[in-house]
Amino acid sequence: MFEMAAAAFEELVVDELDRLPDDMIDGLENVVFVVEDRPEDGSLDLLGLYDGWALTERDRYGVGELPDRIIVYREPHLAVCEDERELRDEIHTTLVHEIAHFYGIDDDRLHELGWA
C-alpha cells in the first residue's frame, strides 16, 4: 500500500480538479468536493461517491438546498496504487466518474466509455 498523509492527498485531489476541462467543471452547481479516509462501512472497495441528485433527475433546484457532494476516499486509493503517478491517474478517473454521475451518466455507460 502506498503511503501519503491526508493533507498531501487532499492537495493531489485539488490539483487533479484543476486539471479537468473547464466545460466539465463549469456545469457543476451546488456541488462540494470532500476527501474522507474511508467509506462509512470501513471498506476499501469504494474509491469515490456522488451523493446527490443527478442533473437529469432534478425537477427544480431551489435556494436553500444542501449541496451535492463528491467524496474521494483516501485509503482505498492508497490501497490500489503503488506510486504517486498511479495515484494521480486513479484520482483523475475517480473525479471524472463521480462528476459524470452528477450529469446523469450511469455506471454502465461509464464502463462503455472506459471511466469505470
PDB file of N, CA and C in Angstrom:
ATOM      1  N   MET A   1       0.845  -1.183   0.000  1.00  0.00           N
ATOM      2  CA  MET A   1       0.000   0.000   0.000  1.00  0.00           C
ATOM      3  C   MET A   1       0.888   1.242   0.000  1.00  0.00           C
ATOM      4  N   PHE A   2       0.553   2.166  -0.884  1.00  0.00           N
ATOM      5  CA  PHE A   2       1.258   3.443  -0.981  1.00  0.00           C
ATOM      6  C   PHE A   2       0.866   4.299   0.224  1.00  0.00           C
ATOM      7  N   GLU A   3       1.805   5.017   0.812  1.00  0.00           N
ATOM      8  CA  GLU A   3       1.541   5.851   1.984  1.00  0.00           C
ATOM      9  C   GLU A   3       1.534   7.331   1.591  1.00  0.00           C
ATOM     10  N   MET A   4       0.584   8.076   2.137  1.00  0.00           N
ATOM     11  CA  MET A   4       0.539   9.519   1.914  1.00  0.00           C
ATOM     12  C   MET A   4      -0.344  10.142   2.999  1.00  0.00           C
ATOM     13  N   ALA A   5       0.139  11.222   3.582  1.00  0.00           N
ATOM     14  CA  ALA A   5      -0.620  11.932   4.611  1.00  0.00           C
ATOM     15  C   ALA A   5      -1.905  12.522   4.021  1.00  0.00           C
ATOM     16  N   ALA A   6      -2.886  12.721   4.872  1.00  0.00           N
ATOM     17  CA  ALA A   6      -4.188  13.230   4.440  1.00  0.00           C
ATOM     18  C   ALA A   6      -4.067  14.582   3.741  1.00  0.00           C
ATOM     19  N   ALA A   7      -3.265  15.483   4.266  1.00  0.00           N
ATOM     20  CA  ALA A   7      -3.129  16.816   3.672  1.00  0.00           C
ATOM     21  C   ALA A   7      -2.505  16.741   2.278  1.00  0.00           C
ATOM     22  N   ALA A   8      -1.510  15.897   2.107  1.00  0.00           N
ATOM     23  CA  ALA A   8      -0.869  15.745   0.796  1.00  0.00           C
ATOM     24  C   ALA A   8      -1.837  15.120  -0.207  1.00  0.00           C
ATOM     25  N   PHE A   9      -2.625  14.155   0.243  1.00  0.00           N
ATOM     26  CA  PHE A   9      -3.616  13.538  -0.635  1.00  0.00           C
ATOM     27  C   PHE A   9      -4.645  14.573  -1.084  1.00  0.00           C
ATOM     28  N   GLU A  10      -5.109  15.372  -0.149  1.00  0.00           N
ATOM     29  CA  GLU A  10      -6.089  16.410  -0.488  1.00  0.00           C
ATOM     30  C   GLU A  10      -5.517  17.391  -1.508  1.00  0.00           C
ATOM     31  N   GLU A  11      -4.245  17.734  -1.389  1.00  0.00           N
ATOM     32  CA  GLU A  11      -3.594  18.609  -2.373  1.00  0.00           C
ATOM     33  C   GLU A  11      -3.602  17.975  -3.762  1.00  0.00           C
ATOM     34  N   LEU A  12      -3.380  16.656  -3.831  1.00  0.00           N
ATOM     35  CA  LEU A  12      -3.430  15.972  -5.122  1.00  0.00           C
ATOM     36  C   LEU A  12      -4.835  16.025  -5.716  1.00  0.00           C
ATOM     37  N   VAL A  13      -5.843  15.864  -4.881  1.00  0.00           N
ATOM     38  CA  VAL A  13      -7.222  15.935  -5.364  1.00  0.00           C
ATOM     39  C   VAL A  13      -7.507  17.326  -5.933  1.00  0.00           C
ATOM     40  N   VAL A  14      -7.101  18.358  -5.231  1.00  0.00           N
ATOM     41  CA  VAL A  14      -7.310  19.727  -5.703  1.00  0.00           C
ATOM     42  C   VAL A  14      -6.550  19.954  -7.005  1.00  0.00           C
ATOM     43  N   ASP A  15      -5.332  19.464  -7.072  1.00  0.00           N
ATOM     44  CA  ASP A  15      -4.527  19.599  -8.290  1.00  0.00           C
ATOM     45  C   ASP A  15      -5.194  18.898  -9.473  1.00  0.00           C
ATOM     46  N   GLU A  16      -5.710  17.702  -9.256  1.00  0.00           N
ATOM     47  CA  GLU A  16      -6.376  16.970 -10.336  1.00  0.00           C
ATOM     48  C   GLU A  16      -7.701  17.651 -10.727  1.00  0.00           C
ATOM     49  N   LEU A  17      -8.395  18.235  -9.773  1.00  0.00           N
ATOM     50  CA  LEU A  17      -9.597  19.013 -10.107  1.00  0.00           C
ATOM     51  C   LEU A  17      -9.242  20.184 -11.017  1.00  0.00           C
ATOM     52  N   ASP A  18      -8.139  20.847 -10.714  1.00  0.00           N
ATOM     53  CA  ASP A  18      -7.694  21.986 -11.522  1.00  0.00           C
ATOM     54  C   ASP A  18      -7.327  21.567 -12.945  1.00  0.00           C
ATOM     55  N   ARG A  19      -6.973  20.313 -13.153  1.00  0.00           N
ATOM     56  CA  ARG A  19      -6.568  19.814 -14.467  1.00  0.00           C
ATOM     57  C   ARG A  19      -7.748  19.373 -15.336  1.00  0.00           C
ATOM     58  N   LEU A  20      -8.929  19.267 -14.736  1.00  0.00           N
ATOM     59  CA  LEU A  20     -10.098  18.836 -15.509  1.00  0.00           C
ATOM     60  C   LEU A  20     -10.525  19.938 -16.466  1.00  0.00           C
ATOM     61  N   PRO A  21     -11.105  19.563 -17.598  1.00  0.00           N
ATOM     62  CA  PRO A  21     -11.546  20.572 -18.581  1.00  0.00           C
ATOM     63  C   PRO A  21     -12.612  21.507 -17.999  1.00  0.00           C
ATOM     64  N   ASP A  22     -12.532  22.768 -18.375  1.00  0.00           N
ATOM     65  CA  ASP A  22     -13.478  23.761 -17.877  1.00  0.00           C
ATOM     66  C   ASP A  22     -14.917  23.387 -18.179  1.00  0.00           C
ATOM     67  N   ASP A  23     -15.180  22.829 -19.363  1.00  0.00           N
ATOM     68  CA  ASP A  23     -16.569  22.515 -19.707  1.00  0.00           C
ATOM     69  C   ASP A  23     -17.132  21.389 -18.836  1.00  0.00           C
ATOM     70  N   MET A  24     -16.280  20.596 -18.212  1.00  0.00           N
ATOM     71  CA  MET A  24     -16.742  19.565 -17.292  1.00  0.00           C
ATOM     72  C   MET A  24     -17.092  20.185 -15.936  1.00  0.00           C
ATOM     73  N   ILE A  25     -16.323  21.164 -15.524  1.00  0.00           N
ATOM     74  CA  ILE A  25     -16.477  21.779 -14.210  1.00  0.00           C
ATOM     75  C   ILE A  25     -17.519  22.901 -14.217  1.00  0.00           C
ATOM     76  N   ASP A  26     -17.609  23.653 -15.304  1.00  0.00           N
ATOM     77  CA  ASP A  26     -18.479  24.832 -15.348  1.00  0.00           C
ATOM     78  C   ASP A  26     -19.945  24.521 -15.068  1.00  0.00           C
ATOM     79  N   GLY A  27     -20.410  23.333 -15.424  1.00  0.00           N
ATOM     80  CA  GLY A  27     -21.812  22.988 -15.206  1.00  0.00           C
ATOM     81  C   GLY A  27     -22.145  22.529 -13.805  1.00  0.00           C
ATOM     82  N   LEU A  28     -21.144  22.348 -12.974  1.00  0.00           N
ATOM     83  CA  LEU A  28     -21.391  21.885 -11.604  1.00  0.00           C
ATOM     84  C   LEU A  28     -21.965  23.026 -10.780  1.00  0.00           C
ATOM     85  N   GLU A  29     -23.173  22.829 -10.291  1.00  0.00           N
ATOM     86  CA  GLU A  29     -23.805  23.835  -9.443  1.00  0.00           C
ATOM     87  C   GLU A  29     -24.130  23.212  -8.099  1.00  0.00           C
ATOM     88  N   ASN A  30     -23.788  23.908  -7.042  1.00  0.00           N
ATOM     89  CA  ASN A  30     -24.097  23.486  -5.684  1.00  0.00           C
ATOM     90  C   ASN A  30     -23.520  22.096  -5.393  1.00  0.00           C
ATOM     91  N   VAL A  31     -22.268  21.905  -5.760  1.00  0.00           N
ATOM     92  CA  VAL A  31     -21.557  20.649  -5.520  1.00  0.00           C
ATOM     93  C   VAL A  31     -20.286  20.961  -4.748  1.00  0.00           C
ATOM     94  N   VAL A  32     -20.033  20.199  -3.699  1.00  0.00           N
ATOM     95  CA  VAL A  32     -18.783  20.336  -2.957  1.00  0.00           C
ATOM     96  C   VAL A  32     -17.982  19.054  -3.105  1.00  0.00           C
ATOM     97  N   PHE A  33     -16.672  19.190  -3.082  1.00  0.00           N
ATOM     98  CA  PHE A  33     -15.763  18.052  -3.143  1.00  0.00           C
ATOM     99  C   PHE A  33     -15.210  17.831  -1.741  1.00  0.00           C
ATOM    100  N   VAL A  34     -15.242  16.578  -1.309  1.00  0.00           N
ATOM    101  CA  VAL A  34     -14.844  16.221   0.046  1.00  0.00           C
ATOM    102  C   VAL A  34     -13.861  15.059  -0.034  1.00  0.00           C
ATOM    103  N   VAL A  35     -12.834  15.094   0.806  1.00  0.00           N
ATOM    104  CA  VAL A  35     -11.918  13.968   0.938  1.00  0.00           C
ATOM    105  C   VAL A  35     -12.162  13.346   2.307  1.00  0.00           C
ATOM    106  N   GLU A  36     -12.396  12.042   2.312  1.00  0.00           N
ATOM    107  CA  GLU A  36     -12.558  11.294   3.559  1.00  0.00           C
ATOM    108  C   GLU A  36     -11.616  10.102   3.516  1.00  0.00           C
ATOM    109  N   ASP A  37     -11.268   9.584   4.695  1.00  0.00           N
ATOM    110  CA  ASP A  37     -10.349   8.449   4.749  1.00  0.00           C
ATOM    111  C   ASP A  37     -10.948   7.191   4.141  1.00  0.00           C
ATOM    112  N   ARG A  38     -12.176   6.836   4.567  1.00  0.00           N
ATOM    113  CA  ARG A  38     -12.836   5.608   4.106  1.00  0.00           C
ATOM    114  C   ARG A  38     -14.338   5.816   4.027  1.00  0.00           C
ATOM    115  N   PRO A  39     -15.012   4.958   3.280  1.00  0.00           N
ATOM    116  CA  PRO A  39     -16.478   4.975   3.311  1.00  0.00           C
ATOM    117  C   PRO A  39     -16.979   4.632   4.721  1.00  0.00           C
ATOM    118  N   GLU A  40     -18.235   4.946   4.992  1.00  0.00           N
ATOM    119  CA  GLU A  40     -18.809   4.715   6.320  1.00  0.00           C
ATOM    120  C   GLU A  40     -18.720   3.264   6.759  1.00  0.00           C
ATOM    121  N   ASP A  41     -18.789   2.322   5.817  1.00  0.00           N
ATOM    122  CA  ASP A  41     -18.739   0.903   6.196  1.00  0.00           C
ATOM    123  C   ASP A  41     -17.309   0.424   6.468  1.00  0.00           C
ATOM    124  N   GLY A  42     -16.320   1.300   6.302  1.00  0.00           N
ATOM    125  CA  GLY A  42     -14.933   0.972   6.606  1.00  0.00           C
ATOM    126  C   GLY A  42     -14.208   0.182   5.532  1.00  0.00           C
ATOM    127  N   SER A  43     -14.890  -0.109   4.426  1.00  0.00           N
ATOM    128  CA  SER A  43     -14.284  -0.924   3.374  1.00  0.00           C
ATOM    129  C   SER A  43     -13.259  -0.135   2.568  1.00  0.00           C
ATOM    130  N   LEU A  44     -12.487  -0.870   1.807  1.00  0.00           N
ATOM    131  CA  LEU A  44     -11.520  -0.253   0.890  1.00  0.00           C
ATOM    132  C   LEU A  44     -11.954  -0.454  -0.565  1.00  0.00           C
ATOM    133  N   ASP A  45     -13.212  -0.845  -0.765  1.00  0.00           N
ATOM    134  CA  ASP A  45     -13.703  -1.171  -2.099  1.00  0.00           C
ATOM    135  C   ASP A  45     -14.165   0.026  -2.913  1.00  0.00           C
ATOM    136  N   LEU A  46     -14.520   1.102  -2.268  1.00  0.00           N
ATOM    137  CA  LEU A  46     -15.112   2.249  -2.945  1.00  0.00           C
ATOM    138  C   LEU A  46     -14.111   3.400  -2.996  1.00  0.00           C
ATOM    139  N   LEU A  47     -13.812   3.888  -4.201  1.00  0.00           N
ATOM    140  CA  LEU A  47     -12.843   4.976  -4.360  1.00  0.00           C
ATOM    141  C   LEU A  47     -13.488   6.342  -4.253  1.00  0.00           C
ATOM    142  N   GLY A  48     -14.747   6.442  -4.658  1.00  0.00           N
ATOM    143  CA  GLY A  48     -15.435   7.722  -4.623  1.00  0.00           C
ATOM    144  C   GLY A  48     -16.926   7.512  -4.601  1.00  0.00           C
ATOM    145  N   LEU A  49     -17.655   8.615  -4.337  1.00  0.00           N
ATOM    146  CA  LEU A  49     -19.105   8.539  -4.253  1.00  0.00           C
ATOM    147  C   LEU A  49     -19.705   9.878  -4.645  1.00  0.00           C
ATOM    148  N   TYR A  50     -20.751   9.828  -5.479  1.00  0.00           N
ATOM    149  CA  TYR A  50     -21.552  11.021  -5.748  1.00  0.00           C
ATOM    150  C   TYR A  50     -22.767  10.926  -4.855  1.00  0.00           C
ATOM    151  N   ASP A  51     -22.939  11.892  -3.974  1.00  0.00           N
ATOM    152  CA  ASP A  51     -24.050  11.933  -3.029  1.00  0.00           C
ATOM    153  C   ASP A  51     -24.938  13.113  -3.390  1.00  0.00           C
ATOM    154  N   GLY A  52     -25.984  12.833  -4.167  1.00  0.00           N
ATOM    155  CA  GLY A  52     -26.880  13.913  -4.583  1.00  0.00           C
ATOM    156  C   GLY A  52     -27.817  13.433  -5.669  1.00  0.00           C
ATOM    157  N   TRP A  53     -28.505  14.389  -6.274  1.00  0.00           N
ATOM    158  CA  TRP A  53     -29.437  14.111  -7.362  1.00  0.00           C
ATOM    159  C   TRP A  53     -28.773  14.469  -8.680  1.00  0.00           C
ATOM    160  N   ALA A  54     -28.793  13.519  -9.604  1.00  0.00           N
ATOM    161  CA  ALA A  54     -28.238  13.778 -10.931  1.00  0.00           C
ATOM    162  C   ALA A  54     -29.006  14.907 -11.605  1.00  0.00           C
ATOM    163  N   LEU A  55     -28.316  15.669 -12.400  1.00  0.00           N
ATOM    164  CA  LEU A  55     -28.916  16.784 -13.127  1.00  0.00           C
ATOM    165  C   LEU A  55     -30.132  16.333 -13.933  1.00  0.00           C
ATOM    166  N   THR A  56     -30.096  15.133 -14.464  1.00  0.00           N
ATOM    167  CA  THR A  56     -31.183  14.606 -15.282  1.00  0.00           C
ATOM    168  C   THR A  56     -32.399  14.194 -14.461  1.00  0.00           C
ATOM    169  N   GLU A  57     -32.261  14.119 -13.135  1.00  0.00           N
ATOM    170  CA  GLU A  57     -33.355  13.692 -12.262  1.00  0.00           C
ATOM    171  C   GLU A  57     -33.963  14.840 -11.463  1.00  0.00           C
ATOM    172  N   ARG A  58     -33.509  16.032 -11.673  1.00  0.00           N
ATOM    173  CA  ARG A  58     -33.988  17.176 -10.891  1.00  0.00           C
ATOM    174  C   ARG A  58     -35.162  17.846 -11.585  1.00  0.00           C
ATOM    175  N   ASP A  59     -36.244  18.048 -10.854  1.00  0.00           N
ATOM    176  CA  ASP A  59     -37.355  18.838 -11.383  1.00  0.00           C
ATOM    177  C   ASP A  59     -37.005  20.313 -11.285  1.00  0.00           C
ATOM    178  N   ARG A  60     -36.662  20.687 -10.098  1.00  0.00           N
ATOM    179  CA  ARG A  60     -36.213  22.057  -9.861  1.00  0.00           C
ATOM    180  C   ARG A  60     -35.181  22.006  -8.754  1.00  0.00           C
ATOM    181  N   TYR A  61     -34.348  22.981  -8.720  1.00  0.00           N
ATOM    182  CA  TYR A  61     -33.293  23.007  -7.728  1.00  0.00           C
ATOM    183  C   TYR A  61     -33.285  24.411  -7.162  1.00  0.00           C
ATOM    184  N   GLY A  62     -33.807  24.560  -5.975  1.00  0.00           N
ATOM    185  CA  GLY A  62     -34.017  25.896  -5.437  1.00  0.00           C
ATOM    186  C   GLY A  62     -32.971  26.342  -4.454  1.00  0.00           C
ATOM    187  N   VAL A  63     -33.173  27.555  -4.001  1.00  0.00           N
ATOM    188  CA  VAL A  63     -32.302  28.156  -2.994  1.00  0.00           C
ATOM    189  C   VAL A  63     -32.511  27.404  -1.690  1.00  0.00           C
ATOM    190  N   GLY A  64     -31.464  27.217  -0.952  1.00  0.00           N
ATOM    191  CA  GLY A  64     -31.555  26.563   0.332  1.00  0.00           C
ATOM    192  C   GLY A  64     -31.312  25.065   0.292  1.00  0.00           C
ATOM    193  N   GLU A  65     -31.095  24.515  -0.887  1.00  0.00           N
ATOM    194  CA  GLU A  65     -30.798  23.094  -0.989  1.00  0.00           C
ATOM    195  C   GLU A  65     -29.391  22.826  -0.456  1.00  0.00           C
ATOM    196  N   LEU A  66     -29.237  21.745   0.278  1.00  0.00           N
ATOM    197  CA  LEU A  66     -27.894  21.343   0.682  1.00  0.00           C
ATOM    198  C   LEU A  66     -27.110  20.965  -0.570  1.00  0.00           C
ATOM    199  N   PRO A  67     -25.824  21.231  -0.585  1.00  0.00           N
ATOM    200  CA  PRO A  67     -25.052  20.895  -1.792  1.00  0.00           C
ATOM    201  C   PRO A  67     -24.907  19.390  -1.964  1.00  0.00           C
ATOM    202  N   ASP A  68     -24.841  18.982  -3.221  1.00  0.00           N
ATOM    203  CA  ASP A  68     -24.461  17.613  -3.530  1.00  0.00           C
ATOM    204  C   ASP A  68     -22.986  17.479  -3.159  1.00  0.00           C
ATOM    205  N   ARG A  69     -22.566  16.234  -2.923  1.00  0.00           N
ATOM    206  CA  ARG A  69     -21.173  16.009  -2.543  1.00  0.00           C
ATOM    207  C   ARG A  69     -20.534  14.983  -3.463  1.00  0.00           C
ATOM    208  N   ILE A  70     -19.315  15.249  -3.823  1.00  0.00           N
ATOM    209  CA  ILE A  70     -18.472  14.251  -4.466  1.00  0.00           C
ATOM    210  C   ILE A  70     -17.373  13.940  -3.460  1.00  0.00           C
ATOM    211  N   ILE A  71     -17.368  12.682  -3.027  1.00  0.00           N
ATOM    212  CA  ILE A  71     -16.435  12.256  -1.985  1.00  0.00           C
ATOM    213  C   ILE A  71     -15.344  11.402  -2.622  1.00  0.00           C
ATOM    214  N   VAL A  72     -14.104  11.717  -2.304  1.00  0.00           N
ATOM    215  CA  VAL A  72     -12.951  10.935  -2.740  1.00  0.00           C
ATOM    216  C   VAL A  72     -12.365  10.299  -1.481  1.00  0.00           C
ATOM    217  N   TYR A  73     -12.236   8.973  -1.510  1.00  0.00           N
ATOM    218  CA  TYR A  73     -11.751   8.244  -0.345  1.00  0.00           C
ATOM    219  C   TYR A  73     -10.255   7.987  -0.453  1.00  0.00           C
ATOM    220  N   ARG A  74      -9.519   8.458   0.549  1.00  0.00           N
ATOM    221  CA  ARG A  74      -8.055   8.402   0.541  1.00  0.00           C
ATOM    222  C   ARG A  74      -7.508   6.983   0.689  1.00  0.00           C
ATOM    223  N   GLU A  75      -7.895   6.268   1.722  1.00  0.00           N
ATOM    224  CA  GLU A  75      -7.290   4.958   1.989  1.00  0.00           C
ATOM    225  C   GLU A  75      -7.547   3.939   0.884  1.00  0.00           C
ATOM    226  N   PRO A  76      -8.747   3.864   0.320  1.00  0.00           N
ATOM    227  CA  PRO A  76      -8.928   2.940  -0.806  1.00  0.00           C
ATOM    228  C   PRO A  76      -8.039   3.273  -2.004  1.00  0.00           C
ATOM    229  N   HIS A  77      -7.837   4.569  -2.268  1.00  0.00           N
ATOM    230  CA  HIS A  77      -6.937   4.953  -3.361  1.00  0.00           C
ATOM    231  C   HIS A  77      -5.510   4.486  -3.068  1.00  0.00           C
ATOM    232  N   LEU A  78      -5.071   4.718  -1.842  1.00  0.00           N
ATOM    233  CA  LEU A  78      -3.709   4.325  -1.482  1.00  0.00           C
ATOM    234  C   LEU A  78      -3.537   2.808  -1.539  1.00  0.00           C
ATOM    235  N   ALA A  79      -4.604   2.072  -1.257  1.00  0.00           N
ATOM    236  CA  ALA A  79      -4.534   0.608  -1.262  1.00  0.00           C
ATOM    237  C   ALA A  79      -4.369   0.035  -2.669  1.00  0.00           C
ATOM    238  N   VAL A  80      -4.825   0.754  -3.698  1.00  0.00           N
ATOM    239  CA  VAL A  80      -4.750   0.218  -5.064  1.00  0.00           C
ATOM    240  C   VAL A  80      -3.623   0.827  -5.896  1.00  0.00           C
ATOM    241  N   CYS A  81      -2.902   1.770  -5.327  1.00  0.00           N
ATOM    242  CA  CYS A  81      -1.848   2.458  -6.093  1.00  0.00           C
ATOM    243  C   CYS A  81      -0.472   2.163  -5.503  1.00  0.00           C
ATOM    244  N   GLU A  82       0.507   2.113  -6.399  1.00  0.00           N
ATOM    245  CA  GLU A  82       1.874   1.817  -5.968  1.00  0.00           C
ATOM    246  C   GLU A  82       2.781   3.031  -5.920  1.00  0.00           C
ATOM    247  N   ASP A  83       2.406   4.106  -6.615  1.00  0.00           N
ATOM    248  CA  ASP A  83       3.240   5.302  -6.609  1.00  0.00           C
ATOM    249  C   ASP A  83       2.366   6.527  -6.890  1.00  0.00           C
ATOM    250  N   GLU A  84       2.970   7.696  -6.830  1.00  0.00           N
ATOM    251  CA  GLU A  84       2.208   8.934  -6.978  1.00  0.00           C
ATOM    252  C   GLU A  84       1.619   9.100  -8.375  1.00  0.00           C
ATOM    253  N   ARG A  85       2.332   8.677  -9.402  1.00  0.00           N
ATOM    254  CA  ARG A  85       1.804   8.782 -10.761  1.00  0.00           C
ATOM    255  C   ARG A  85       0.519   7.973 -10.902  1.00  0.00           C
ATOM    256  N   GLU A  86       0.554   6.749 -10.415  1.00  0.00           N
ATOM    257  CA  GLU A  86      -0.626   5.886 -10.466  1.00  0.00           C
ATOM    258  C   GLU A  86      -1.755   6.476  -9.615  1.00  0.00           C
ATOM    259  N   LEU A  87      -1.401   7.049  -8.473  1.00  0.00           N
ATOM    260  CA  LEU A  87      -2.393   7.674  -7.600  1.00  0.00           C
ATOM    261  C   LEU A  87      -3.070   8.851  -8.290  1.00  0.00           C
ATOM    262  N   ARG A  88      -2.283   9.691  -8.950  1.00  0.00           N
ATOM    263  CA  ARG A  88      -2.857  10.827  -9.688  1.00  0.00           C
ATOM    264  C   ARG A  88      -3.828  10.345 -10.770  1.00  0.00           C
ATOM    265  N   ASP A  89      -3.436   9.319 -11.504  1.00  0.00           N
ATOM    266  CA  ASP A  89      -4.305   8.770 -12.554  1.00  0.00           C
ATOM    267  C   ASP A  89      -5.610   8.253 -11.965  1.00  0.00           C
ATOM    268  N   GLU A  90      -5.522   7.563 -10.840  1.00  0.00           N
ATOM    269  CA  GLU A  90      -6.716   6.991 -10.223  1.00  0.00           C
ATOM    270  C   GLU A  90      -7.620   8.083  -9.645  1.00  0.00           C
ATOM    271  N   ILE A  91      -7.040   9.108  -9.056  1.00  0.00           N
ATOM    272  CA  ILE A  91      -7.832  10.242  -8.555  1.00  0.00           C
ATOM    273  C   ILE A  91      -8.540  10.918  -9.717  1.00  0.00           C
ATOM    274  N   HIS A  92      -7.825  11.131 -10.808  1.00  0.00           N
ATOM    275  CA  HIS A  92      -8.409  11.757 -12.001  1.00  0.00           C
ATOM    276  C   HIS A  92      -9.610  10.948 -12.499  1.00  0.00           C
ATOM    277  N   THR A  93      -9.425   9.631 -12.614  1.00  0.00           N
ATOM    278  CA  THR A  93     -10.507   8.761 -13.073  1.00  0.00           C
ATOM    279  C   THR A  93     -11.692   8.807 -12.115  1.00  0.00           C
ATOM    280  N   THR A  94     -11.424   8.800 -10.823  1.00  0.00           N
ATOM    281  CA  THR A  94     -12.499   8.860  -9.826  1.00  0.00           C
ATOM    282  C   THR A  94     -13.264  10.170  -9.940  1.00  0.00           C
ATOM    283  N   LEU A  95     -12.573  11.279 -10.091  1.00  0.00           N
ATOM    284  CA  LEU A  95     -13.251  12.576 -10.220  1.00  0.00           C
ATOM    285  C   LEU A  95     -14.138  12.609 -11.461  1.00  0.00           C
ATOM    286  N   VAL A  96     -13.606  12.159 -12.597  1.00  0.00           N
ATOM    287  CA  VAL A  96     -14.400  12.135 -13.830  1.00  0.00           C
ATOM    288  C   VAL A  96     -15.624  11.242 -13.638  1.00  0.00           C
ATOM    289  N   HIS A  97     -15.430  10.092 -13.040  1.00  0.00           N
ATOM    290  CA  HIS A  97     -16.508   9.136 -12.811  1.00  0.00           C
ATOM    291  C   HIS A  97     -17.623   9.753 -11.959  1.00  0.00           C
ATOM    292  N   GLU A  98     -17.263  10.371 -10.853  1.00  0.00           N
ATOM    293  CA  GLU A  98     -18.277  10.933  -9.947  1.00  0.00           C
ATOM    294  C   GLU A  98     -18.936  12.178 -10.535  1.00  0.00           C
ATOM    295  N   ILE A  99     -18.186  12.990 -11.244  1.00  0.00           N
ATOM    296  CA  ILE A  99     -18.775  14.156 -11.923  1.00  0.00           C
ATOM    297  C   ILE A  99     -19.760  13.679 -12.989  1.00  0.00           C
ATOM    298  N   ALA A 100     -19.426  12.589 -13.661  1.00  0.00           N
ATOM    299  CA  ALA A 100     -20.345  12.035 -14.664  1.00  0.00           C
ATOM    300  C   ALA A 100     -21.677  11.651 -14.031  1.00  0.00           C
ATOM    301  N   HIS A 101     -21.643  11.135 -12.804  1.00  0.00           N
ATOM    302  CA  HIS A 101     -22.894  10.815 -12.115  1.00  0.00           C
ATOM    303  C   HIS A 101     -23.726  12.077 -11.880  1.00  0.00           C
ATOM    304  N   PHE A 102     -23.083  13.197 -11.587  1.00  0.00           N
ATOM    305  CA  PHE A 102     -23.805  14.462 -11.448  1.00  0.00           C
ATOM    306  C   PHE A 102     -24.578  14.776 -12.731  1.00  0.00           C
ATOM    307  N   TYR A 103     -23.951  14.524 -13.869  1.00  0.00           N
ATOM    308  CA  TYR A 103     -24.580  14.814 -15.164  1.00  0.00           C
ATOM    309  C   TYR A 103     -25.559  13.727 -15.605  1.00  0.00           C
ATOM    310  N   GLY A 104     -25.723  12.678 -14.797  1.00  0.00           N
ATOM    311  CA  GLY A 104     -26.701  11.647 -15.100  1.00  0.00           C
ATOM    312  C   GLY A 104     -26.177  10.468 -15.888  1.00  0.00           C
ATOM    313  N   ILE A 105     -24.875  10.320 -15.981  1.00  0.00           N
ATOM    314  CA  ILE A 105     -24.274   9.196 -16.705  1.00  0.00           C
ATOM    315  C   ILE A 105     -24.119   8.031 -15.722  1.00  0.00           C
ATOM    316  N   ASP A 106     -24.720   6.888 -16.043  1.00  0.00           N
ATOM    317  CA  ASP A 106     -24.709   5.752 -15.123  1.00  0.00           C
ATOM    318  C   ASP A 106     -23.449   4.898 -15.296  1.00  0.00           C
ATOM    319  N   ASP A 107     -23.295   3.932 -14.382  1.00  0.00           N
ATOM    320  CA  ASP A 107     -22.091   3.081 -14.383  1.00  0.00           C
ATOM    321  C   ASP A 107     -21.941   2.274 -15.661  1.00  0.00           C
ATOM    322  N   ASP A 108     -23.055   1.783 -16.227  1.00  0.00           N
ATOM    323  CA  ASP A 108     -22.955   1.010 -17.466  1.00  0.00           C
ATOM    324  C   ASP A 108     -22.332   1.840 -18.581  1.00  0.00           C
ATOM    325  N   ARG A 109     -22.802   3.070 -18.726  1.00  0.00           N
ATOM    326  CA  ARG A 109     -22.256   3.951 -19.769  1.00  0.00           C
ATOM    327  C   ARG A 109     -20.798   4.311 -19.472  1.00  0.00           C
ATOM    328  N   LEU A 110     -20.475   4.527 -18.201  1.00  0.00           N
ATOM    329  CA  LEU A 110     -19.096   4.828 -17.826  1.00  0.00           C
ATOM    330  C   LEU A 110     -18.167   3.662 -18.156  1.00  0.00           C
ATOM    331  N   HIS A 111     -18.650   2.431 -17.983  1.00  0.00           N
ATOM    332  CA  HIS A 111     -17.856   1.256 -18.364  1.00  0.00           C
ATOM    333  C   HIS A 111     -17.610   1.256 -19.867  1.00  0.00           C
ATOM    334  N   GLU A 112     -18.656   1.562 -20.643  1.00  0.00           N
ATOM    335  CA  GLU A 112     -18.511   1.618 -22.097  1.00  0.00           C
ATOM    336  C   GLU A 112     -17.474   2.653 -22.519  1.00  0.00           C
ATOM    337  N   LEU A 113     -17.434   3.771 -21.786  1.00  0.00           N
ATOM    338  CA  LEU A 113     -16.527   4.863 -22.107  1.00  0.00           C
ATOM    339  C   LEU A 113     -15.113   4.666 -21.527  1.00  0.00           C
ATOM    340  N   GLY A 114     -14.963   3.656 -20.669  1.00  0.00           N
ATOM    341  CA  GLY A 114     -13.652   3.393 -20.067  1.00  0.00           C
ATOM    342  C   GLY A 114     -13.358   4.190 -18.819  1.00  0.00           C
ATOM    343  N   TRP A 115     -14.383   4.732 -18.161  1.00  0.00           N
ATOM    344  CA  TRP A 115     -14.196   5.540 -16.956  1.00  0.00           C
ATOM    345  C   TRP A 115     -14.677   4.845 -15.703  1.00  0.00           C
ATOM    346  N   ALA A 116     -14.828   3.535 -15.764  1.00  0.00           N
ATOM    347  CA  ALA A 116     -15.285   2.805 -14.561  1.00  0.00           C
ATOM    348  C   ALA A 116     -14.516   1.519 -14.413  1.00  0.00           C
TER     349      ALA A 116
END
